[in-house]
């Protein structure tokens, strides 16, 4: 998939690091809830790929369904 096929990341998102991430960095995941989807990215590669899932799918993933 090239960048023209990738779903757009909503501008102005407030990214939050996972509470399971340690203070020393390393393998961290960041999440931002947008108006149309929840965005997930690797904190070490903020400009890298972003996974975009529906709010319903995210709620099922974290057990808030």
C-alpha atoms as a PDB file:
ATOM      1  CA  UNK A   1       0.000   0.000   0.000  1.00  0.00           C
ATOM      2  CA  UNK A   2       1.465   3.385  -0.902  1.00  0.00           C
ATOM      3  CA  UNK A   3       0.802   6.619   0.965  1.00  0.00           C
ATOM      4  CA  UNK A   4      -1.940   7.682  -1.434  1.00  0.00           C
ATOM      5  CA  UNK A   5      -3.912   4.569  -0.453  1.00  0.00           C
ATOM      6  CA  UNK A   6      -3.385   5.007   3.295  1.00  0.00           C
ATOM      7  CA  UNK A   7      -6.290   6.410   5.306  1.00  0.00           C
ATOM      8  CA  UNK A   8      -5.617   9.968   6.394  1.00  0.00           C
ATOM      9  CA  UNK A   9      -4.632  10.667   9.970  1.00  0.00           C
ATOM     10  CA  UNK A  10      -6.850  13.363  11.409  1.00  0.00           C
ATOM     11  CA  UNK A  11      -5.002  16.632  12.128  1.00  0.00           C
ATOM     12  CA  UNK A  12      -4.589  17.906  15.689  1.00  0.00           C
ATOM     13  CA  UNK A  13      -4.786  14.543  17.455  1.00  0.00           C
ATOM     14  CA  UNK A  14      -3.769  14.328  21.116  1.00  0.00           C
ATOM     15  CA  UNK A  15      -1.509  11.257  21.302  1.00  0.00           C
ATOM     16  CA  UNK A  16      -1.224   9.338  24.604  1.00  0.00           C
ATOM     17  CA  UNK A  17       1.420   6.751  25.438  1.00  0.00           C
ATOM     18  CA  UNK A  18       0.279   3.388  26.760  1.00  0.00           C
ATOM     19  CA  UNK A  19       0.210   3.086  30.545  1.00  0.00           C
ATOM     20  CA  UNK A  20       2.103  -0.195  30.081  1.00  0.00           C
ATOM     21  CA  UNK A  21       5.103   1.634  28.599  1.00  0.00           C
ATOM     22  CA  UNK A  22       8.081   1.886  30.911  1.00  0.00           C
ATOM     23  CA  UNK A  23       9.802   5.137  31.877  1.00  0.00           C
ATOM     24  CA  UNK A  24      12.990   4.114  30.053  1.00  0.00           C
ATOM     25  CA  UNK A  25      11.331   4.190  26.623  1.00  0.00           C
ATOM     26  CA  UNK A  26      11.718   1.201  24.371  1.00  0.00           C
ATOM     27  CA  UNK A  27       8.655  -0.490  22.958  1.00  0.00           C
ATOM     28  CA  UNK A  28       5.830   2.015  23.350  1.00  0.00           C
ATOM     29  CA  UNK A  29       2.469   2.381  21.684  1.00  0.00           C
ATOM     30  CA  UNK A  30       0.637   5.687  21.356  1.00  0.00           C
ATOM     31  CA  UNK A  31      -3.100   6.083  20.812  1.00  0.00           C
ATOM     32  CA  UNK A  32      -5.208   9.047  19.722  1.00  0.00           C
ATOM     33  CA  UNK A  33      -8.999   9.084  19.546  1.00  0.00           C
ATOM     34  CA  UNK A  34     -10.227  11.024  16.543  1.00  0.00           C
ATOM     35  CA  UNK A  35     -13.749  11.915  15.519  1.00  0.00           C
ATOM     36  CA  UNK A  36     -14.008   9.075  13.000  1.00  0.00           C
ATOM     37  CA  UNK A  37     -11.476   6.517  14.242  1.00  0.00           C
ATOM     38  CA  UNK A  38      -8.878   5.580  16.833  1.00  0.00           C
ATOM     39  CA  UNK A  39      -5.282   5.900  15.613  1.00  0.00           C
ATOM     40  CA  UNK A  40      -2.428   3.723  16.908  1.00  0.00           C
ATOM     41  CA  UNK A  41       1.303   4.236  16.238  1.00  0.00           C
ATOM     42  CA  UNK A  42       4.780   3.275  17.428  1.00  0.00           C
ATOM     43  CA  UNK A  43       6.106   6.081  19.657  1.00  0.00           C
ATOM     44  CA  UNK A  44       9.632   5.568  18.307  1.00  0.00           C
ATOM     45  CA  UNK A  45       8.389   6.282  14.782  1.00  0.00           C
ATOM     46  CA  UNK A  46       5.802   9.050  15.115  1.00  0.00           C
ATOM     47  CA  UNK A  47       6.083   9.884  11.412  1.00  0.00           C
ATOM     48  CA  UNK A  48       5.760   6.216  10.474  1.00  0.00           C
ATOM     49  CA  UNK A  49       2.683   4.122   9.731  1.00  0.00           C
ATOM     50  CA  UNK A  50      -0.511   4.528  11.728  1.00  0.00           C
ATOM     51  CA  UNK A  51      -3.167   1.876  12.277  1.00  0.00           C
ATOM     52  CA  UNK A  52      -6.680   3.303  12.086  1.00  0.00           C
ATOM     53  CA  UNK A  53      -9.602   1.371  13.601  1.00  0.00           C
ATOM     54  CA  UNK A  54     -13.237   2.178  14.332  1.00  0.00           C
ATOM     55  CA  UNK A  55     -14.250   3.271  17.810  1.00  0.00           C
ATOM     56  CA  UNK A  56     -16.282   0.072  18.119  1.00  0.00           C
ATOM     57  CA  UNK A  57     -13.310  -2.121  17.211  1.00  0.00           C
ATOM     58  CA  UNK A  58     -11.091  -0.280  19.695  1.00  0.00           C
ATOM     59  CA  UNK A  59     -13.674  -0.688  22.481  1.00  0.00           C
ATOM     60  CA  UNK A  60     -13.759  -4.435  21.782  1.00  0.00           C
ATOM     61  CA  UNK A  61      -9.967  -4.608  21.783  1.00  0.00           C
ATOM     62  CA  UNK A  62      -9.581  -2.893  25.169  1.00  0.00           C
ATOM     63  CA  UNK A  63     -12.613  -4.644  26.659  1.00  0.00           C
ATOM     64  CA  UNK A  64     -14.969  -1.649  26.901  1.00  0.00           C
ATOM     65  CA  UNK A  65     -17.732  -3.019  24.734  1.00  0.00           C
END
